[in-house]
Amino acid sequence: MKRETILLAHGSGGRLTHDLIRDVFQRALSNPFLDDLGDAAILPPPSGRLAFTTDSYVIRPIFFPGGDIGRLAVCGTVNDLSMVGARPLYLSIGFILEEGLPFADLERIVKSVAETARDAGVQVVAGDTKVVDKGSADMVFINTAGVGLIADHVSLAPSLIRPGDAVLVSGTVGDHGIAVMAQREGLALSTSLVSDCAPLNGLAQTVLACGGVRVMRDPTRGGLATTLVELAQAGDVGLEIEESAVPVNEAVRGACELLGLDPLYVANEGKLVAIVAAEAAEAALAAMQAHPLGQNARIIGRASQAHPGRVVLKTVLGVSRVVEMLTGEQLPRIC
């Protein structure tokens, strides 16, 4: 008989654990590497440099406009690999389930994991599940780790940034954080507030093919502003940004004005920042805008030999100010 909610016994390693693995996880995620159900996935040897990363996801709510914790867990790790120039290949996934989690919610999340992995062209090859007492977690937490392959000719690093390089962003900023917060707090804001959660590996490879890419980042927690400061500091270079050039969805802008937030500091889960050699900037911009995930891409600034390690924003009022990293936590648990 199928249970309606997760029990502690589903994490015991016994019959219910095996039923859970077979009926939920393996059914959705089946592939030759996973189906052996061994203690480790045995993978073919790579021919090139490997990139490896891991991330954990504690977002609340677990379902939000434009995605859910399962989609986020795949996209987040795929995107981290993509930003170093890797082609993501394999993921592992670990679930911490709270006793009492509805089975329907778990099945919906795992289905989303499977669909997003297919969209990204990656395989989930290993996994784990643990169940904790009711009240010891918040429905479900997920960890993913990922492996990708970097081509020999790809080399990305903040140290490669040079004065005159262009700063590009692939689309509107702040969509994810505002969509999640509005859902969590039950705010009656615009229905067009939707997370941008998406796998960026296709877009990243499109940009790399243009040549001249110095470095890429996905501006998640801390938003675009914090990412730019990190790059300026790591590369010991100045970045000069035009506020009027930064694309912001009007619904997000309105919500930020209402809530006293700066969209430059609000999280994204489907955007990338690329710093590109000046001579390659227009080609990279055109390539971004031709991709479904980069239609609103813009050149938002330039690297400068002035004020190394700092980001200077020219505001819409014509005043310049130094951009600092996000301090504190304006939107907790948005990933």
Protein backbone atom coordinates (compact mmCIF):
# COMPACT_ATOMS: atom_id res chain seq x y z
CA MET A 1 0.00 0.00 0.00
CA LYS A 2 1.40 3.39 -0.98
CA ARG A 3 1.88 5.79 1.93
CA GLU A 4 0.69 9.37 1.65
CA THR A 5 3.60 10.85 3.61
CA ILE A 6 7.25 10.11 4.30
CA LEU A 7 7.86 8.00 7.43
CA LEU A 8 11.04 7.69 9.47
CA ALA A 9 11.14 4.07 8.27
CA HIS A 10 11.72 5.34 4.72
CA GLY A 11 15.22 6.24 5.88
CA SER A 12 15.95 3.02 7.76
CA GLY A 13 17.63 1.16 4.91
CA GLY A 14 14.97 -1.53 4.95
CA ARG A 15 12.00 -2.42 2.80
CA LEU A 16 10.45 1.04 2.74
CA THR A 17 13.78 2.59 1.76
CA HIS A 18 14.13 0.18 -1.14
CA ASP A 19 10.54 0.85 -2.21
CA LEU A 20 11.20 4.59 -2.11
CA ILE A 21 14.33 4.27 -4.23
CA ARG A 22 12.65 2.00 -6.77
CA ASP A 23 9.25 3.67 -7.02
CA VAL A 24 10.25 7.34 -6.82
CA PHE A 25 13.91 7.97 -7.56
CA GLN A 26 14.87 5.18 -9.94
CA ARG A 27 11.61 5.42 -11.84
CA ALA A 28 12.23 9.10 -12.63
CA LEU A 29 16.02 9.17 -12.91
CA SER A 30 16.84 5.80 -14.50
CA ASN A 31 20.07 5.54 -16.51
CA PRO A 32 22.75 2.82 -16.89
CA PHE A 33 25.05 4.38 -14.28
CA LEU A 34 22.34 4.80 -11.65
CA ASP A 35 20.44 1.57 -12.23
CA ASP A 36 23.21 -0.64 -10.84
CA LEU A 37 22.34 0.81 -7.41
CA GLY A 38 25.87 0.17 -6.21
CA ASP A 39 27.70 2.09 -3.51
CA ALA A 40 29.27 4.33 -6.15
CA ALA A 41 28.74 5.15 -9.81
CA ILE A 42 31.43 3.79 -12.13
CA LEU A 43 32.05 6.33 -14.89
CA PRO A 44 34.15 6.29 -18.07
CA PRO A 45 37.55 8.02 -17.77
CA PRO A 46 37.55 11.63 -18.98
CA SER A 47 39.86 13.03 -21.63
CA GLY A 48 40.57 16.50 -20.35
CA ARG A 49 40.38 18.70 -17.26
CA LEU A 50 37.61 17.96 -14.78
CA ALA A 51 35.56 20.56 -12.94
CA PHE A 52 33.86 19.47 -9.72
CA THR A 53 31.45 21.40 -7.51
CA THR A 54 28.79 20.91 -4.85
CA ASP A 55 25.94 22.98 -3.46
CA SER A 56 23.06 22.61 -1.00
CA TYR A 57 19.51 23.91 -1.33
CA VAL A 58 17.23 24.93 1.53
CA ILE A 59 14.83 27.24 -0.30
CA ARG A 60 11.48 28.10 1.21
CA PRO A 61 8.89 27.64 -0.23
CA ILE A 62 9.89 24.48 -2.07
CA PHE A 63 7.54 25.35 -4.95
CA PHE A 64 7.58 28.84 -6.44
CA PRO A 65 6.62 30.55 -9.73
CA GLY A 66 9.03 29.31 -12.36
CA GLY A 67 10.47 26.37 -10.47
CA ASP A 68 10.90 24.29 -7.34
CA ILE A 69 13.70 23.01 -5.14
CA GLY A 70 14.35 20.09 -7.51
CA ARG A 71 14.81 22.27 -10.58
CA LEU A 72 16.92 24.67 -8.55
CA ALA A 73 19.19 21.87 -7.28
CA VAL A 74 20.01 20.79 -10.83
CA CYS A 75 20.33 24.29 -12.29
CA GLY A 76 22.48 25.60 -9.47
CA THR A 77 25.16 22.95 -9.83
CA VAL A 78 24.99 22.83 -13.64
CA ASN A 79 25.45 26.60 -13.68
CA ASP A 80 28.42 26.56 -11.30
CA LEU A 81 30.17 24.10 -13.62
CA SER A 82 29.22 26.13 -16.67
CA MET A 83 30.71 29.35 -15.28
CA VAL A 84 34.21 27.85 -15.28
CA GLY A 85 33.77 26.81 -18.90
CA ALA A 86 32.94 23.16 -18.21
CA ARG A 87 30.40 21.04 -20.03
CA PRO A 88 28.39 19.45 -17.19
CA LEU A 89 28.20 15.66 -17.42
CA TYR A 90 27.15 13.98 -14.17
CA LEU A 91 25.37 14.89 -10.95
CA SER A 92 24.90 13.23 -7.60
CA ILE A 93 21.92 14.17 -5.47
CA GLY A 94 21.21 13.79 -1.77
CA PHE A 95 17.83 14.35 -0.10
CA ILE A 96 17.18 15.18 3.55
CA LEU A 97 13.45 14.50 3.97
CA GLU A 98 11.35 15.57 6.93
CA GLU A 99 9.00 13.00 8.38
CA GLY A 100 5.49 13.83 7.17
CA LEU A 101 6.51 15.26 3.79
CA PRO A 102 3.66 14.44 1.38
CA PHE A 103 4.64 11.74 -1.10
CA ALA A 104 3.01 13.77 -3.87
CA ASP A 105 5.38 16.66 -3.16
CA LEU A 106 8.43 14.39 -3.25
CA GLU A 107 7.32 12.81 -6.52
CA ARG A 108 6.76 16.24 -8.03
CA ILE A 109 10.25 17.36 -6.96
CA VAL A 110 11.97 14.23 -8.29
CA LYS A 111 10.09 14.55 -11.59
CA SER A 112 11.34 18.13 -11.83
CA VAL A 113 14.90 16.95 -11.16
CA ALA A 114 14.60 14.45 -14.00
CA GLU A 115 13.11 16.94 -16.46
CA THR A 116 15.68 19.62 -15.68
CA ALA A 117 18.57 17.15 -15.94
CA ARG A 118 17.31 16.12 -19.39
CA ASP A 119 17.03 19.77 -20.42
CA ALA A 120 20.61 20.35 -19.29
CA GLY A 121 21.95 17.18 -20.90
CA VAL A 122 23.31 15.74 -17.64
CA GLN A 123 22.76 12.42 -15.89
CA VAL A 124 22.08 11.86 -12.20
CA VAL A 125 24.38 8.92 -11.48
CA ALA A 126 24.38 8.65 -7.68
CA GLY A 127 22.09 9.59 -4.83
CA ASP A 128 21.24 9.27 -1.17
CA THR A 129 18.18 9.76 1.02
CA LYS A 130 17.89 10.39 4.74
CA VAL A 131 14.75 10.99 6.80
CA VAL A 132 14.76 13.14 9.95
CA ASP A 133 12.15 13.60 12.69
CA LYS A 134 9.31 16.00 12.08
CA GLY A 135 10.48 19.45 13.08
CA SER A 136 14.16 18.66 12.48
CA ALA A 137 14.10 20.04 8.92
CA ASP A 138 11.76 22.09 6.74
CA MET A 139 10.13 19.53 4.42
CA VAL A 140 13.12 18.81 2.18
CA PHE A 141 16.74 19.87 1.76
CA ILE A 142 18.82 18.80 -1.26
CA ASN A 143 22.53 18.61 -1.99
CA THR A 144 23.90 18.14 -5.48
CA ALA A 145 27.46 17.64 -6.65
CA GLY A 146 28.49 17.81 -10.27
CA VAL A 147 31.33 16.91 -12.60
CA GLY A 148 32.05 18.56 -15.93
CA LEU A 149 34.74 18.59 -18.59
CA ILE A 150 36.72 21.68 -19.59
CA ALA A 151 38.13 21.87 -23.12
CA ASP A 152 41.89 22.36 -23.34
CA HIS A 153 41.57 25.77 -25.01
CA VAL A 154 39.27 27.22 -22.33
CA SER A 155 40.88 29.33 -19.61
CA LEU A 156 38.77 31.68 -17.49
CA ALA A 157 39.88 33.71 -14.48
CA PRO A 158 39.41 37.20 -12.99
CA SER A 159 43.17 37.73 -13.36
CA LEU A 160 42.66 37.79 -17.14
CA ILE A 161 40.44 40.91 -17.04
CA ARG A 162 42.02 43.89 -18.82
CA PRO A 163 41.09 47.61 -18.93
CA GLY A 164 38.57 48.23 -21.68
CA ASP A 165 36.97 44.79 -21.43
CA ALA A 166 33.17 44.81 -21.63
CA VAL A 167 30.87 43.65 -18.82
CA LEU A 168 27.80 41.77 -20.09
CA VAL A 169 24.77 40.42 -18.27
CA SER A 170 22.51 37.92 -20.00
CA GLY A 171 19.16 39.38 -18.94
CA THR A 172 16.99 41.04 -16.33
CA VAL A 173 18.27 40.88 -12.77
CA GLY A 174 16.46 40.13 -9.51
CA ASP A 175 13.74 37.88 -10.96
CA HIS A 176 14.37 34.83 -8.77
CA GLY A 177 14.71 36.50 -5.40
CA ILE A 178 11.61 38.66 -5.79
CA ALA A 179 9.47 35.80 -7.15
CA VAL A 180 10.43 33.56 -4.22
CA MET A 181 9.91 36.26 -1.61
CA ALA A 182 6.51 37.23 -3.01
CA GLN A 183 5.39 33.59 -2.93
CA ARG A 184 6.75 33.00 0.58
CA GLU A 185 5.20 36.10 2.11
CA GLY A 186 1.92 35.85 0.19
CA LEU A 187 2.38 39.31 -1.31
CA ALA A 188 -0.23 40.34 -3.85
CA LEU A 189 2.27 41.64 -6.37
CA SER A 190 2.38 41.30 -10.16
CA THR A 191 1.57 37.89 -11.63
CA SER A 192 4.56 38.39 -13.96
CA LEU A 193 6.98 37.77 -11.07
CA VAL A 194 8.55 34.46 -12.13
CA SER A 195 11.90 32.95 -11.18
CA ASP A 196 14.52 32.83 -13.92
CA CYS A 197 15.72 29.41 -12.70
CA ALA A 198 17.31 27.72 -15.75
CA PRO A 199 20.37 25.66 -16.76
CA LEU A 200 22.93 27.97 -18.34
CA ASN A 201 25.31 25.47 -19.92
CA GLY A 202 23.99 26.01 -23.44
CA LEU A 203 24.20 29.80 -23.16
CA ALA A 204 27.65 29.63 -21.58
CA GLN A 205 29.02 27.47 -24.40
CA THR A 206 27.48 29.85 -26.94
CA VAL A 207 29.29 32.79 -25.36
CA LEU A 208 32.58 30.89 -25.11
CA ALA A 209 32.42 30.06 -28.82
CA CYS A 210 32.70 33.79 -29.60
CA GLY A 211 36.18 33.95 -28.09
CA GLY A 212 37.65 36.66 -25.91
CA VAL A 213 35.82 35.64 -22.73
CA ARG A 214 37.89 36.49 -19.65
CA VAL A 215 35.61 35.18 -16.92
CA MET A 216 31.97 34.22 -16.25
CA ARG A 217 29.87 34.12 -13.10
CA ASP A 218 26.24 33.44 -12.21
CA PRO A 219 25.03 36.22 -9.88
CA THR A 220 23.08 34.19 -7.32
CA ARG A 221 23.08 35.13 -3.61
CA GLY A 222 24.09 38.77 -3.23
CA GLY A 223 22.96 39.52 -6.76
CA LEU A 224 24.72 41.28 -9.60
CA ALA A 225 26.36 43.88 -7.37
CA THR A 226 28.11 41.38 -5.10
CA THR A 227 29.28 39.32 -8.08
CA LEU A 228 30.82 42.37 -9.73
CA VAL A 229 32.63 43.36 -6.52
CA GLU A 230 34.00 39.82 -6.19
CA LEU A 231 35.34 39.96 -9.75
CA ALA A 232 36.86 43.42 -9.31
CA GLN A 233 38.63 42.37 -6.13
CA ALA A 234 39.81 39.01 -7.48
CA GLY A 235 41.12 40.59 -10.68
CA ASP A 236 42.47 43.75 -8.98
CA VAL A 237 40.72 45.80 -11.64
CA GLY A 238 38.11 48.54 -11.61
CA LEU A 239 34.65 48.01 -13.07
CA GLU A 240 32.54 50.95 -14.22
CA ILE A 241 28.83 50.16 -14.56
CA GLU A 242 25.99 52.19 -16.06
CA GLU A 243 22.90 51.75 -13.91
CA SER A 244 20.64 52.71 -16.83
CA ALA A 245 22.08 49.84 -18.88
CA VAL A 246 21.26 47.12 -16.33
CA PRO A 247 18.05 45.35 -17.46
CA VAL A 248 15.38 45.04 -14.76
CA ASN A 249 11.88 43.63 -15.27
CA GLU A 250 9.36 46.39 -14.52
CA ALA A 251 7.43 44.13 -12.14
CA VAL A 252 10.67 43.42 -10.24
CA ARG A 253 11.57 47.10 -10.20
CA GLY A 254 8.15 47.98 -8.81
CA ALA A 255 8.33 45.27 -6.14
CA CYS A 256 11.81 46.42 -5.10
CA GLU A 257 10.66 50.03 -4.80
CA LEU A 258 7.69 48.93 -2.70
CA LEU A 259 9.84 46.76 -0.41
CA GLY A 260 12.87 49.02 -0.19
CA LEU A 261 15.20 46.60 -1.99
CA ASP A 262 17.88 47.23 -4.60
CA PRO A 263 17.46 44.86 -7.57
CA LEU A 264 21.24 44.82 -8.04
CA TYR A 265 21.50 42.83 -4.79
CA VAL A 266 18.60 40.43 -5.41
CA ALA A 267 19.43 36.82 -6.33
CA ASN A 268 19.26 35.32 -9.81
CA GLU A 269 19.25 31.64 -10.82
CA GLY A 270 19.28 31.86 -14.60
CA LYS A 271 21.58 34.73 -15.53
CA LEU A 272 25.28 34.96 -16.25
CA VAL A 273 27.78 37.79 -16.13
CA ALA A 274 30.60 37.67 -18.67
CA ILE A 275 33.60 39.95 -18.95
CA VAL A 276 34.76 39.91 -22.55
CA ALA A 277 37.60 41.49 -24.51
CA ALA A 278 36.49 44.75 -26.10
CA GLU A 279 36.92 43.49 -29.65
CA ALA A 280 34.70 40.44 -28.95
CA ALA A 281 31.99 42.23 -26.98
CA GLU A 282 29.50 42.91 -29.77
CA ALA A 283 29.76 39.35 -31.09
CA ALA A 284 29.23 37.96 -27.59
CA LEU A 285 26.24 40.24 -27.06
CA ALA A 286 24.68 39.19 -30.37
CA ALA A 287 25.23 35.52 -29.52
CA MET A 288 23.58 35.98 -26.13
CA GLN A 289 20.60 37.81 -27.59
CA ALA A 290 20.10 35.06 -30.18
CA HIS A 291 19.83 32.45 -27.41
CA PRO A 292 16.44 31.89 -25.68
CA LEU A 293 18.00 32.60 -22.26
CA GLY A 294 19.81 35.75 -23.35
CA GLN A 295 17.26 37.78 -25.28
CA ASN A 296 17.50 40.69 -22.83
CA ALA A 297 21.31 40.66 -22.64
CA ARG A 298 23.09 44.00 -22.38
CA ILE A 299 26.57 45.48 -22.16
CA ILE A 300 26.42 47.23 -18.80
CA GLY A 301 29.93 48.57 -18.32
CA ARG A 302 33.67 48.33 -18.82
CA ALA A 303 36.77 47.34 -16.93
CA SER A 304 39.04 50.22 -15.97
CA GLN A 305 42.57 50.73 -14.69
CA ALA A 306 41.19 53.36 -12.33
CA HIS A 307 40.09 52.39 -8.78
CA PRO A 308 41.39 48.76 -8.89
CA GLY A 309 39.35 46.34 -6.81
CA ARG A 310 36.30 48.60 -6.82
CA VAL A 311 33.02 48.79 -8.71
CA VAL A 312 31.76 52.28 -9.51
CA LEU A 313 28.13 52.69 -10.55
CA LYS A 314 27.02 55.70 -12.57
CA THR A 315 23.43 56.14 -11.40
CA VAL A 316 20.48 57.22 -13.52
CA LEU A 317 20.87 60.65 -11.87
CA GLY A 318 24.39 60.95 -13.26
CA VAL A 319 26.08 60.55 -9.88
CA SER A 320 28.82 57.96 -9.39
CA ARG A 321 29.02 55.82 -6.26
CA VAL A 322 31.09 52.89 -5.08
CA VAL A 323 29.22 49.58 -5.01
CA GLU A 324 29.81 47.42 -1.94
CA MET A 325 29.17 43.74 -1.32
CA LEU A 326 25.84 42.82 0.21
CA THR A 327 26.01 43.02 4.00
CA GLY A 328 23.60 40.98 6.07
CA GLU A 329 20.79 38.93 4.55
CA GLN A 330 18.00 40.83 2.85
CA LEU A 331 16.28 37.72 1.42
CA PRO A 332 17.04 34.56 3.44
CA ARG A 333 16.63 31.05 2.04
CA ILE A 334 16.18 31.96 -1.60
CA CYS A 335 18.28 29.02 -2.83
